[in-house]
Amino acid sequence: MSNLDEKKVQVDALKQVAEQAFSAIAVDYRGTDVPKLTNFRRDAKGQSVHVKIIKNTLAKKALEDTKFDSLSEVLSGPTLLAFSLEDYQSAAKLIKDFSANEESFEVKGLSIGEGFLSAQELNSLASLPSKEEAISMMLGLLNAPVQKLASTLNEVPSSFVRALAAFGESKS
C-alpha cells in the first residue's frame, strides 16, 4: 500500500468517526509526555471517546463536509482530536479532568455540530448531566409528587387514630 493510500484510509476512518460522533474537541497536546497521553487514551476508550492524533491537513480533509468542519480553523500545530461517541459531554468531561492536572493540555476549540465553540465553552459542556443522570433527575422529579401524596394520605388515618387516642385518654 502506498503512502497516499494509507493517508486516504486514515482520512476515511476519521470521517466515519466524525459522522457518528456527537461532539468533537481539538486540543493542543504540546508538552504532554507519552505515558500521560497513553493513560488519557486508555481513559478515553473506557468512556466511548475516540481520540486521534493526525496531521492537520488530513484532519481538515476528513472533517470537510461533516458537522465538525468548523474545527478546521483551529487545526494548526500539534492537535489531538477527541470525539464523543455516545453523548455530547463525555469528551468534554474527560478533557476537563485531564487538563486540570496537565497544564500543557490546552483546548483549541470544540463543536457539538454545525458550529464552533471557544475553549471557554468546555466547562459548560462538561457540566451537563449524562443521559443516565438526566433520566434519574427526571424520575426523581416525577416521583416526588407521588411520594408526597402517599405520605399525605397516610397522615390522615394516623392523625385520626391519634385524635381518638387523645380523646379516649381524656375520658378515662
Protein backbone atom coordinates (compact mmCIF):
# COMPACT_ATOMS: atom_id res chain seq x y z
CA MET A 1 0.00 0.00 0.00
CA SER A 2 1.40 3.36 -0.97
CA ASN A 3 1.73 6.33 1.33
CA LEU A 4 -1.15 8.07 -0.49
CA ASP A 5 -3.40 5.04 0.03
CA GLU A 6 -2.56 4.97 3.74
CA LYS A 7 -3.48 8.64 4.02
CA LYS A 8 -6.80 8.02 2.24
CA VAL A 9 -7.59 5.21 4.68
CA GLN A 10 -6.80 7.49 7.64
CA VAL A 11 -8.99 10.26 6.23
CA ASP A 12 -11.89 7.88 5.54
CA ALA A 13 -11.65 6.33 9.01
CA LEU A 14 -11.67 9.74 10.71
CA LYS A 15 -14.56 10.92 8.53
CA GLN A 16 -16.61 7.88 9.63
CA VAL A 17 -15.90 8.64 13.29
CA ALA A 18 -16.86 12.30 12.77
CA GLU A 19 -20.15 11.32 11.14
CA GLN A 20 -21.08 9.13 14.13
CA ALA A 21 -19.87 11.47 16.89
CA PHE A 22 -22.00 13.87 18.93
CA SER A 23 -19.22 16.35 19.69
CA ALA A 24 -15.58 16.97 18.84
CA ILE A 25 -12.80 18.79 20.66
CA ALA A 26 -9.43 19.96 19.31
CA VAL A 27 -6.62 20.09 21.86
CA ASP A 28 -3.01 21.27 21.70
CA TYR A 29 -1.12 18.49 23.46
CA ARG A 30 2.37 20.01 23.04
CA GLY A 31 4.40 19.30 26.19
CA THR A 32 2.35 16.31 27.34
CA ASP A 33 4.56 13.27 27.70
CA VAL A 34 3.81 9.92 26.07
CA PRO A 35 2.90 7.96 29.24
CA LYS A 36 0.30 10.59 30.17
CA LEU A 37 -1.11 10.55 26.62
CA THR A 38 -1.27 6.75 26.79
CA ASN A 39 -3.25 6.96 30.06
CA PHE A 40 -5.51 9.58 28.50
CA ARG A 41 -6.20 7.31 25.52
CA ARG A 42 -6.97 4.38 27.83
CA ASP A 43 -9.40 6.51 29.86
CA ALA A 44 -10.99 7.77 26.63
CA LYS A 45 -11.58 4.27 25.33
CA GLY A 46 -13.41 3.37 28.57
CA GLN A 47 -15.69 6.39 28.18
CA SER A 48 -16.58 5.93 24.48
CA VAL A 49 -14.38 8.80 23.37
CA HIS A 50 -12.41 8.35 20.16
CA VAL A 51 -9.00 10.05 20.31
CA LYS A 52 -6.94 10.68 17.20
CA ILE A 53 -3.66 12.44 16.57
CA ILE A 54 -3.41 13.03 12.85
CA LYS A 55 -1.74 15.55 10.57
CA ASN A 56 -3.75 18.74 10.31
CA THR A 57 -4.06 18.57 6.51
CA LEU A 58 -5.53 15.08 6.78
CA ALA A 59 -7.82 16.11 9.64
CA LYS A 60 -9.10 19.07 7.60
CA LYS A 61 -9.87 16.73 4.69
CA ALA A 62 -11.62 14.26 6.99
CA LEU A 63 -13.73 16.93 8.71
CA GLU A 64 -14.65 18.58 5.42
CA ASP A 65 -18.42 18.34 4.76
CA THR A 66 -19.11 16.99 8.26
CA LYS A 67 -20.84 18.79 11.12
CA PHE A 68 -17.40 19.46 12.65
CA ASP A 69 -15.78 21.24 9.68
CA SER A 70 -15.77 24.45 11.75
CA LEU A 71 -12.86 22.97 13.73
CA SER A 72 -10.66 23.36 10.65
CA GLU A 73 -9.90 26.95 11.64
CA VAL A 74 -8.00 25.79 14.78
CA LEU A 75 -6.15 22.88 13.19
CA SER A 76 -2.57 24.10 13.35
CA GLY A 77 0.35 22.83 15.36
CA PRO A 78 0.16 19.61 17.34
CA THR A 79 -3.50 18.69 17.56
CA LEU A 80 -5.34 15.88 19.29
CA LEU A 81 -8.97 15.34 18.28
CA ALA A 82 -11.43 13.80 20.76
CA PHE A 83 -14.88 12.68 19.59
CA SER A 84 -17.77 11.82 21.95
CA LEU A 85 -19.43 8.74 20.52
CA GLU A 86 -22.36 8.20 22.92
CA ASP A 87 -23.30 11.66 24.21
CA TYR A 88 -22.32 15.31 23.86
CA GLN A 89 -20.29 15.76 27.03
CA SER A 90 -18.13 12.68 27.63
CA ALA A 91 -15.10 14.03 25.71
CA ALA A 92 -15.50 17.43 27.39
CA LYS A 93 -15.57 15.86 30.86
CA LEU A 94 -12.56 13.69 30.08
CA ILE A 95 -10.52 16.63 28.74
CA LYS A 96 -11.58 18.92 31.58
CA ASP A 97 -10.47 16.35 34.17
CA PHE A 98 -7.20 15.59 32.37
CA SER A 99 -6.29 19.22 31.75
CA ALA A 100 -6.81 20.04 35.44
CA ASN A 101 -3.64 18.02 36.16
CA GLU A 102 -1.86 18.61 32.86
CA GLU A 103 -1.30 22.30 32.15
CA SER A 104 0.22 21.66 28.73
CA PHE A 105 -3.11 20.21 27.53
CA GLU A 106 -4.80 23.28 26.02
CA VAL A 107 -8.22 23.23 24.35
CA LYS A 108 -8.23 24.99 20.97
CA GLY A 109 -11.94 24.71 20.33
CA LEU A 110 -14.92 22.40 20.26
CA SER A 111 -18.02 21.71 18.28
CA ILE A 112 -21.30 19.99 19.04
CA GLY A 113 -22.16 20.08 15.37
CA GLU A 114 -22.84 22.86 12.92
CA GLY A 115 -20.78 25.45 14.76
CA PHE A 116 -17.56 26.35 16.51
CA LEU A 117 -17.41 26.92 20.26
CA SER A 118 -14.47 28.53 22.03
CA ALA A 119 -12.38 26.76 24.63
CA GLN A 120 -14.24 28.65 27.37
CA GLU A 121 -17.40 26.70 26.50
CA LEU A 122 -15.75 23.42 27.55
CA ASN A 123 -16.76 23.80 31.21
CA SER A 124 -20.38 24.40 30.24
CA LEU A 125 -20.46 21.31 28.08
CA ALA A 126 -18.60 19.20 30.67
CA SER A 127 -21.05 20.19 33.42
CA LEU A 128 -24.08 18.86 31.54
CA PRO A 129 -25.52 15.73 33.13
CA SER A 130 -25.13 12.46 31.26
CA LYS A 131 -28.19 10.80 29.76
CA GLU A 132 -28.49 8.45 32.74
CA GLU A 133 -28.13 11.31 35.23
CA ALA A 134 -30.77 13.36 33.41
CA ILE A 135 -33.20 10.42 33.38
CA SER A 136 -32.55 9.84 37.08
CA MET A 137 -33.21 13.52 37.84
CA MET A 138 -36.42 13.44 35.81
CA LEU A 139 -37.65 10.29 37.54
CA GLY A 140 -36.90 11.88 40.91
CA LEU A 141 -38.97 14.91 39.95
CA LEU A 142 -41.83 12.71 38.76
CA ASN A 143 -41.66 10.52 41.86
CA ALA A 144 -41.75 13.41 44.38
CA PRO A 145 -45.47 14.30 44.00
CA VAL A 146 -46.47 10.64 44.28
CA GLN A 147 -44.46 10.25 47.48
CA LYS A 148 -45.98 13.44 48.90
CA LEU A 149 -49.50 12.22 48.07
CA ALA A 150 -48.83 8.84 49.67
CA SER A 151 -47.46 10.41 52.86
CA THR A 152 -50.42 12.84 53.00
CA LEU A 153 -52.93 10.02 52.56
CA ASN A 154 -51.11 8.02 55.23
CA GLU A 155 -51.16 11.00 57.60
CA VAL A 156 -54.99 11.31 57.60
CA PRO A 157 -55.67 7.92 59.31
CA SER A 158 -52.67 8.42 61.60
CA SER A 159 -53.98 11.81 62.72
CA PHE A 160 -57.45 10.33 63.22
CA VAL A 161 -56.09 7.49 65.38
CA ARG A 162 -54.02 9.92 67.47
CA ALA A 163 -57.10 12.13 67.94
CA LEU A 164 -59.18 9.12 69.06
CA ALA A 165 -56.43 8.02 71.43
CA ALA A 166 -56.20 11.52 72.91
CA PHE A 167 -59.99 11.67 73.27
CA GLY A 168 -60.00 8.25 74.92
CA GLU A 169 -57.31 9.32 77.39
CA SER A 170 -59.17 12.49 78.26
CA LYS A 171 -62.36 10.49 79.09
CA SER A 172 -60.58 7.99 81.33
